[in-house]
C-alpha atoms as a PDB file:
ATOM      1  CA  UNK A   1      18.355 -11.190  -2.611  1.00  0.00           C
ATOM      2  CA  UNK A   2      14.804 -10.087  -2.545  1.00  0.00           C
ATOM      3  CA  UNK A   3      12.834  -7.793  -0.210  1.00  0.00           C
ATOM      4  CA  UNK A   4       9.861 -10.177   0.344  1.00  0.00           C
ATOM      5  CA  UNK A   5       9.984 -13.617  -1.184  1.00  0.00           C
ATOM      6  CA  UNK A   6      12.426 -15.443  -3.507  1.00  0.00           C
ATOM      7  CA  UNK A   7       9.679 -15.566  -6.190  1.00  0.00           C
ATOM      8  CA  UNK A   8       9.111 -11.739  -5.998  1.00  0.00           C
ATOM      9  CA  UNK A   9      12.298 -10.355  -7.318  1.00  0.00           C
ATOM     10  CA  UNK A  10      13.483  -6.803  -6.964  1.00  0.00           C
ATOM     11  CA  UNK A  11      14.270  -4.840 -10.094  1.00  0.00           C
ATOM     12  CA  UNK A  12      17.373  -2.704 -10.543  1.00  0.00           C
ATOM     13  CA  UNK A  13      15.887   0.594 -11.706  1.00  0.00           C
ATOM     14  CA  UNK A  14      19.408   2.109 -11.610  1.00  0.00           C
ATOM     15  CA  UNK A  15      19.707   0.325 -14.964  1.00  0.00           C
ATOM     16  CA  UNK A  16      17.677   2.393 -17.508  1.00  0.00           C
ATOM     17  CA  UNK A  17      16.913  -0.694 -19.542  1.00  0.00           C
ATOM     18  CA  UNK A  18      14.908  -2.071 -16.570  1.00  0.00           C
ATOM     19  CA  UNK A  19      12.689   1.091 -16.573  1.00  0.00           C
ATOM     20  CA  UNK A  20      12.259   0.947 -20.302  1.00  0.00           C
ATOM     21  CA  UNK A  21      11.241  -2.636 -20.201  1.00  0.00           C
ATOM     22  CA  UNK A  22       8.801  -2.011 -17.374  1.00  0.00           C
ATOM     23  CA  UNK A  23       7.337   0.882 -19.424  1.00  0.00           C
ATOM     24  CA  UNK A  24       7.093  -1.361 -22.484  1.00  0.00           C
ATOM     25  CA  UNK A  25       5.102  -3.901 -20.479  1.00  0.00           C
ATOM     26  CA  UNK A  26       2.964  -1.211 -18.882  1.00  0.00           C
ATOM     27  CA  UNK A  27       2.068   0.187 -22.366  1.00  0.00           C
ATOM     28  CA  UNK A  28       1.492  -3.272 -23.745  1.00  0.00           C
ATOM     29  CA  UNK A  29      -1.078  -3.984 -21.001  1.00  0.00           C
ATOM     30  CA  UNK A  30      -2.778  -0.582 -21.487  1.00  0.00           C
ATOM     31  CA  UNK A  31      -3.098  -1.406 -25.228  1.00  0.00           C
ATOM     32  CA  UNK A  32      -4.877  -4.586 -24.119  1.00  0.00           C
ATOM     33  CA  UNK A  33      -7.444  -2.416 -22.468  1.00  0.00           C
ATOM     34  CA  UNK A  34      -6.623  -2.413 -18.799  1.00  0.00           C
ATOM     35  CA  UNK A  35      -7.873   0.546 -16.759  1.00  0.00           C
ATOM     36  CA  UNK A  36      -5.684   0.321 -13.693  1.00  0.00           C
ATOM     37  CA  UNK A  37      -2.034  -0.587 -13.202  1.00  0.00           C
ATOM     38  CA  UNK A  38      -1.039  -1.729  -9.711  1.00  0.00           C
ATOM     39  CA  UNK A  39       2.390  -0.719  -8.434  1.00  0.00           C
ATOM     40  CA  UNK A  40       3.501  -3.218  -5.822  1.00  0.00           C
ATOM     41  CA  UNK A  41       5.432  -2.237  -2.734  1.00  0.00           C
ATOM     42  CA  UNK A  42       5.956   1.297  -3.832  1.00  0.00           C
ATOM     43  CA  UNK A  43       8.268   2.410  -1.034  1.00  0.00           C
ATOM     44  CA  UNK A  44      10.703  -0.395  -1.937  1.00  0.00           C
ATOM     45  CA  UNK A  45      11.069   0.249  -5.664  1.00  0.00           C
ATOM     46  CA  UNK A  46      14.606   1.778  -5.357  1.00  0.00           C
ATOM     47  CA  UNK A  47      17.451   0.019  -3.640  1.00  0.00           C
ATOM     48  CA  UNK A  48      20.457   1.638  -2.100  1.00  0.00           C
ATOM     49  CA  UNK A  49      23.075  -0.209  -0.100  1.00  0.00           C
ATOM     50  CA  UNK A  50      23.494   1.086   3.444  1.00  0.00           C
ATOM     51  CA  UNK A  51      19.883   2.363   3.627  1.00  0.00           C
ATOM     52  CA  UNK A  52      16.551   0.784   4.615  1.00  0.00           C
ATOM     53  CA  UNK A  53      15.582   0.823   0.929  1.00  0.00           C
ATOM     54  CA  UNK A  54      12.295   2.349   1.950  1.00  0.00           C
ATOM     55  CA  UNK A  55      10.908   5.763   0.917  1.00  0.00           C
ATOM     56  CA  UNK A  56      14.031   6.741  -0.950  1.00  0.00           C
ATOM     57  CA  UNK A  57      13.741   9.918  -3.100  1.00  0.00           C
ATOM     58  CA  UNK A  58      14.318   7.952  -6.302  1.00  0.00           C
ATOM     59  CA  UNK A  59      11.030   6.007  -5.686  1.00  0.00           C
ATOM     60  CA  UNK A  60       9.119   9.326  -6.150  1.00  0.00           C
ATOM     61  CA  UNK A  61      10.981  10.028  -9.399  1.00  0.00           C
ATOM     62  CA  UNK A  62      10.145   6.614 -10.811  1.00  0.00           C
ATOM     63  CA  UNK A  63       6.495   6.766  -9.917  1.00  0.00           C
ATOM     64  CA  UNK A  64       6.296  10.305 -11.240  1.00  0.00           C
ATOM     65  CA  UNK A  65       7.869   9.207 -14.496  1.00  0.00           C
ATOM     66  CA  UNK A  66       5.289   6.456 -14.756  1.00  0.00           C
ATOM     67  CA  UNK A  67       2.508   8.911 -14.223  1.00  0.00           C
ATOM     68  CA  UNK A  68       3.850  11.346 -16.783  1.00  0.00           C
ATOM     69  CA  UNK A  69       3.940   8.571 -19.388  1.00  0.00           C
ATOM     70  CA  UNK A  70       0.427   7.455 -18.529  1.00  0.00           C
ATOM     71  CA  UNK A  71      -0.847  11.007 -18.868  1.00  0.00           C
ATOM     72  CA  UNK A  72       0.634  11.386 -22.283  1.00  0.00           C
ATOM     73  CA  UNK A  73       0.137   7.867 -23.797  1.00  0.00           C
ATOM     74  CA  UNK A  74      -2.870   6.505 -21.978  1.00  0.00           C
ATOM     75  CA  UNK A  75      -4.594   9.219 -19.922  1.00  0.00           C
ATOM     76  CA  UNK A  76      -7.523   7.063 -18.974  1.00  0.00           C
ATOM     77  CA  UNK A  77      -5.322   4.575 -17.095  1.00  0.00           C
ATOM     78  CA  UNK A  78      -5.000   4.947 -13.294  1.00  0.00           C
ATOM     79  CA  UNK A  79      -1.970   4.037 -11.153  1.00  0.00           C
ATOM     80  CA  UNK A  80      -2.932   2.121  -8.085  1.00  0.00           C
ATOM     81  CA  UNK A  81      -0.205   1.998  -5.465  1.00  0.00           C
ATOM     82  CA  UNK A  82       0.448  -0.425  -2.692  1.00  0.00           C
ATOM     83  CA  UNK A  83       1.980   1.147   0.380  1.00  0.00           C
ATOM     84  CA  UNK A  84       1.631  -0.763   3.630  1.00  0.00           C
ATOM     85  CA  UNK A  85       1.364   2.199   5.953  1.00  0.00           C
ATOM     86  CA  UNK A  86      -1.397   4.298   7.586  1.00  0.00           C
ATOM     87  CA  UNK A  87      -3.300   6.477   5.108  1.00  0.00           C
ATOM     88  CA  UNK A  88      -1.953   9.685   6.499  1.00  0.00           C
ATOM     89  CA  UNK A  89       1.656   8.379   5.887  1.00  0.00           C
ATOM     90  CA  UNK A  90       0.807   7.342   2.315  1.00  0.00           C
ATOM     91  CA  UNK A  91      -0.109  10.946   1.362  1.00  0.00           C
ATOM     92  CA  UNK A  92       3.418  11.829  -0.068  1.00  0.00           C
ATOM     93  CA  UNK A  93       2.996   9.091  -2.706  1.00  0.00           C
ATOM     94  CA  UNK A  94       0.042  10.991  -4.162  1.00  0.00           C
ATOM     95  CA  UNK A  95       2.541  13.631  -5.175  1.00  0.00           C
ATOM     96  CA  UNK A  96       1.709  17.234  -5.566  1.00  0.00           C
ATOM     97  CA  UNK A  97      -0.741  19.156  -7.824  1.00  0.00           C
ATOM     98  CA  UNK A  98       2.303  20.094 -10.003  1.00  0.00           C
ATOM     99  CA  UNK A  99       3.893  16.634  -9.826  1.00  0.00           C
ATOM    100  CA  UNK A 100       1.262  14.014  -9.287  1.00  0.00           C
ATOM    101  CA  UNK A 101       2.239  10.396  -8.758  1.00  0.00           C
ATOM    102  CA  UNK A 102      -0.267   7.605  -7.987  1.00  0.00           C
ATOM    103  CA  UNK A 103      -3.991   8.234  -8.554  1.00  0.00           C
ATOM    104  CA  UNK A 104      -5.048   6.040  -5.606  1.00  0.00           C
ATOM    105  CA  UNK A 105      -3.800   3.595  -2.986  1.00  0.00           C
ATOM    106  CA  UNK A 106      -4.953   0.460  -1.325  1.00  0.00           C
ATOM    107  CA  UNK A 107      -6.243   1.240   2.259  1.00  0.00           C
ATOM    108  CA  UNK A 108      -4.308  -1.499   4.020  1.00  0.00           C
ATOM    109  CA  UNK A 109      -5.192  -0.067   7.414  1.00  0.00           C
ATOM    110  CA  UNK A 110      -8.927  -0.286   6.893  1.00  0.00           C
ATOM    111  CA  UNK A 111      -8.490  -3.874   5.734  1.00  0.00           C
ATOM    112  CA  UNK A 112      -6.678  -4.857   8.894  1.00  0.00           C
ATOM    113  CA  UNK A 113      -8.858  -2.942  11.236  1.00  0.00           C
ATOM    114  CA  UNK A 114     -11.989  -4.383   9.587  1.00  0.00           C
ATOM    115  CA  UNK A 115     -10.865  -7.905  10.383  1.00  0.00           C
ATOM    116  CA  UNK A 116      -9.879  -6.814  13.850  1.00  0.00           C
ATOM    117  CA  UNK A 117     -13.431  -5.468  14.384  1.00  0.00           C
ATOM    118  CA  UNK A 118     -14.943  -8.756  13.174  1.00  0.00           C
ATOM    119  CA  UNK A 119     -12.787 -10.831  15.525  1.00  0.00           C
ATOM    120  CA  UNK A 120     -13.265  -8.609  18.614  1.00  0.00           C
ATOM    121  CA  UNK A 121     -16.727  -7.014  18.000  1.00  0.00           C
ATOM    122  CA  UNK A 122     -15.156  -3.708  18.790  1.00  0.00           C
ATOM    123  CA  UNK A 123     -15.311  -0.995  16.151  1.00  0.00           C
ATOM    124  CA  UNK A 124     -13.458   1.816  18.029  1.00  0.00           C
ATOM    125  CA  UNK A 125     -10.218   1.369  16.176  1.00  0.00           C
ATOM    126  CA  UNK A 126     -11.934   1.090  12.813  1.00  0.00           C
ATOM    127  CA  UNK A 127     -13.935   4.293  13.522  1.00  0.00           C
ATOM    128  CA  UNK A 128     -10.760   6.141  14.533  1.00  0.00           C
ATOM    129  CA  UNK A 129      -9.066   5.107  11.365  1.00  0.00           C
ATOM    130  CA  UNK A 130     -12.003   6.022   9.209  1.00  0.00           C
ATOM    131  CA  UNK A 131     -12.137   9.412  10.873  1.00  0.00           C
ATOM    132  CA  UNK A 132      -8.457   9.994   9.997  1.00  0.00           C
ATOM    133  CA  UNK A 133      -9.123   9.065   6.307  1.00  0.00           C
ATOM    134  CA  UNK A 134     -12.164  11.352   6.237  1.00  0.00           C
ATOM    135  CA  UNK A 135     -10.067  14.258   7.442  1.00  0.00           C
ATOM    136  CA  UNK A 136      -7.622  13.901   4.482  1.00  0.00           C
ATOM    137  CA  UNK A 137      -8.250  16.079   1.410  1.00  0.00           C
ATOM    138  CA  UNK A 138     -10.995  14.562  -0.852  1.00  0.00           C
ATOM    139  CA  UNK A 139      -8.603  14.268  -3.807  1.00  0.00           C
ATOM    140  CA  UNK A 140      -6.823  11.413  -2.009  1.00  0.00           C
ATOM    141  CA  UNK A 141      -8.496   8.250  -3.126  1.00  0.00           C
ATOM    142  CA  UNK A 142      -8.191   5.004  -1.236  1.00  0.00           C
ATOM    143  CA  UNK A 143      -9.361   1.590  -2.386  1.00  0.00           C
ATOM    144  CA  UNK A 144     -10.966  -0.231   0.514  1.00  0.00           C
ATOM    145  CA  UNK A 145     -10.664  -4.006   0.213  1.00  0.00           C
ATOM    146  CA  UNK A 146     -11.040  -6.995   2.436  1.00  0.00           C
ATOM    147  CA  UNK A 147      -8.323  -9.390   1.301  1.00  0.00           C
ATOM    148  CA  UNK A 148      -5.436  -9.692  -1.168  1.00  0.00           C
ATOM    149  CA  UNK A 149      -2.733 -12.224  -1.985  1.00  0.00           C
ATOM    150  CA  UNK A 150      -0.481 -10.944   0.936  1.00  0.00           C
ATOM    151  CA  UNK A 151      -0.764 -12.091   4.545  1.00  0.00           C
ATOM    152  CA  UNK A 152      -2.790  -9.782   6.768  1.00  0.00           C
ATOM    153  CA  UNK A 153      -0.200  -7.839   8.743  1.00  0.00           C
ATOM    154  CA  UNK A 154      -1.660  -6.970  12.134  1.00  0.00           C
ATOM    155  CA  UNK A 155       0.059  -3.519  12.113  1.00  0.00           C
ATOM    156  CA  UNK A 156      -2.727  -2.071  14.085  1.00  0.00           C
ATOM    157  CA  UNK A 157      -2.540   1.140  16.143  1.00  0.00           C
ATOM    158  CA  UNK A 158      -1.545  -0.556  19.482  1.00  0.00           C
ATOM    159  CA  UNK A 159      -0.639   2.802  20.962  1.00  0.00           C
ATOM    160  CA  UNK A 160      -4.353   3.717  20.719  1.00  0.00           C
ATOM    161  CA  UNK A 161      -5.392   0.287  21.892  1.00  0.00           C
ATOM    162  CA  UNK A 162      -3.108   0.102  25.002  1.00  0.00           C
ATOM    163  CA  UNK A 163      -5.387   2.288  27.180  1.00  0.00           C
ATOM    164  CA  UNK A 164      -8.239  -0.144  26.210  1.00  0.00           C
ATOM    165  CA  UNK A 165      -6.247  -2.864  27.946  1.00  0.00           C
ATOM    166  CA  UNK A 166      -5.096  -4.533  24.711  1.00  0.00           C
ATOM    167  CA  UNK A 167      -1.488  -5.748  24.545  1.00  0.00           C
ATOM    168  CA  UNK A 168       0.072  -6.193  21.127  1.00  0.00           C
ATOM    169  CA  UNK A 169       1.568  -9.706  21.227  1.00  0.00           C
ATOM    170  CA  UNK A 170      -1.444 -11.491  22.930  1.00  0.00           C
ATOM    171  CA  UNK A 171      -3.781  -9.630  20.657  1.00  0.00           C
ATOM    172  CA  UNK A 172      -2.021 -10.624  17.528  1.00  0.00           C
ATOM    173  CA  UNK A 173      -2.012 -14.211  18.836  1.00  0.00           C
ATOM    174  CA  UNK A 174      -5.718 -13.978  19.485  1.00  0.00           C
ATOM    175  CA  UNK A 175      -6.400 -12.598  16.010  1.00  0.00           C
ATOM    176  CA  UNK A 176      -4.415 -15.373  14.385  1.00  0.00           C
ATOM    177  CA  UNK A 177      -6.061 -18.033  16.569  1.00  0.00           C
ATOM    178  CA  UNK A 178      -9.443 -16.577  15.788  1.00  0.00           C
ATOM    179  CA  UNK A 179      -9.069 -16.604  12.049  1.00  0.00           C
ATOM    180  CA  UNK A 180      -7.572 -20.084  11.997  1.00  0.00           C
ATOM    181  CA  UNK A 181     -10.422 -21.475  14.043  1.00  0.00           C
ATOM    182  CA  UNK A 182      -8.421 -22.096  17.176  1.00  0.00           C
ATOM    183  CA  UNK A 183     -10.469 -19.685  19.274  1.00  0.00           C
ATOM    184  CA  UNK A 184     -13.848 -18.069  19.115  1.00  0.00           C
ATOM    185  CA  UNK A 185     -15.471 -15.147  21.126  1.00  0.00           C
END
């Protein structure tokens, strides 16, 4: 069983050999000259039966160990995490000053709200989201991007949008139709 797709298998980090092999590959790539290592789907790294397998405490330990190894062996390499949540909810994955984890994260929310703004011509949600990011401590670094290999998840802030007369399901349908050419403003 996999969390996302059959071709994206989950790894069993409960087995120390898995972690060791991942670190071997991590160090191999850094020796090839890469500057950034992307950690995919960070909240789902650790699996535990009977849980949502999301944001479990072991995830933080694994990412912290990766960061410690990077700091010792290849201090110029950055860890880029992928956490599909609002920036303010990603903050725990940066770790603490004493126990840092990822150096930076994708800003998934800005990506989705940017496409929403293009389709609707309305920047209110994007502005609100950017205001939230700008209120976070400056040491939290987010990578803004417009597209990646994953589908665009329309996990927009519909609670904020509701008073503007926007309903979640019809709005998602509109966005999908807009970007597949079935509807235009």
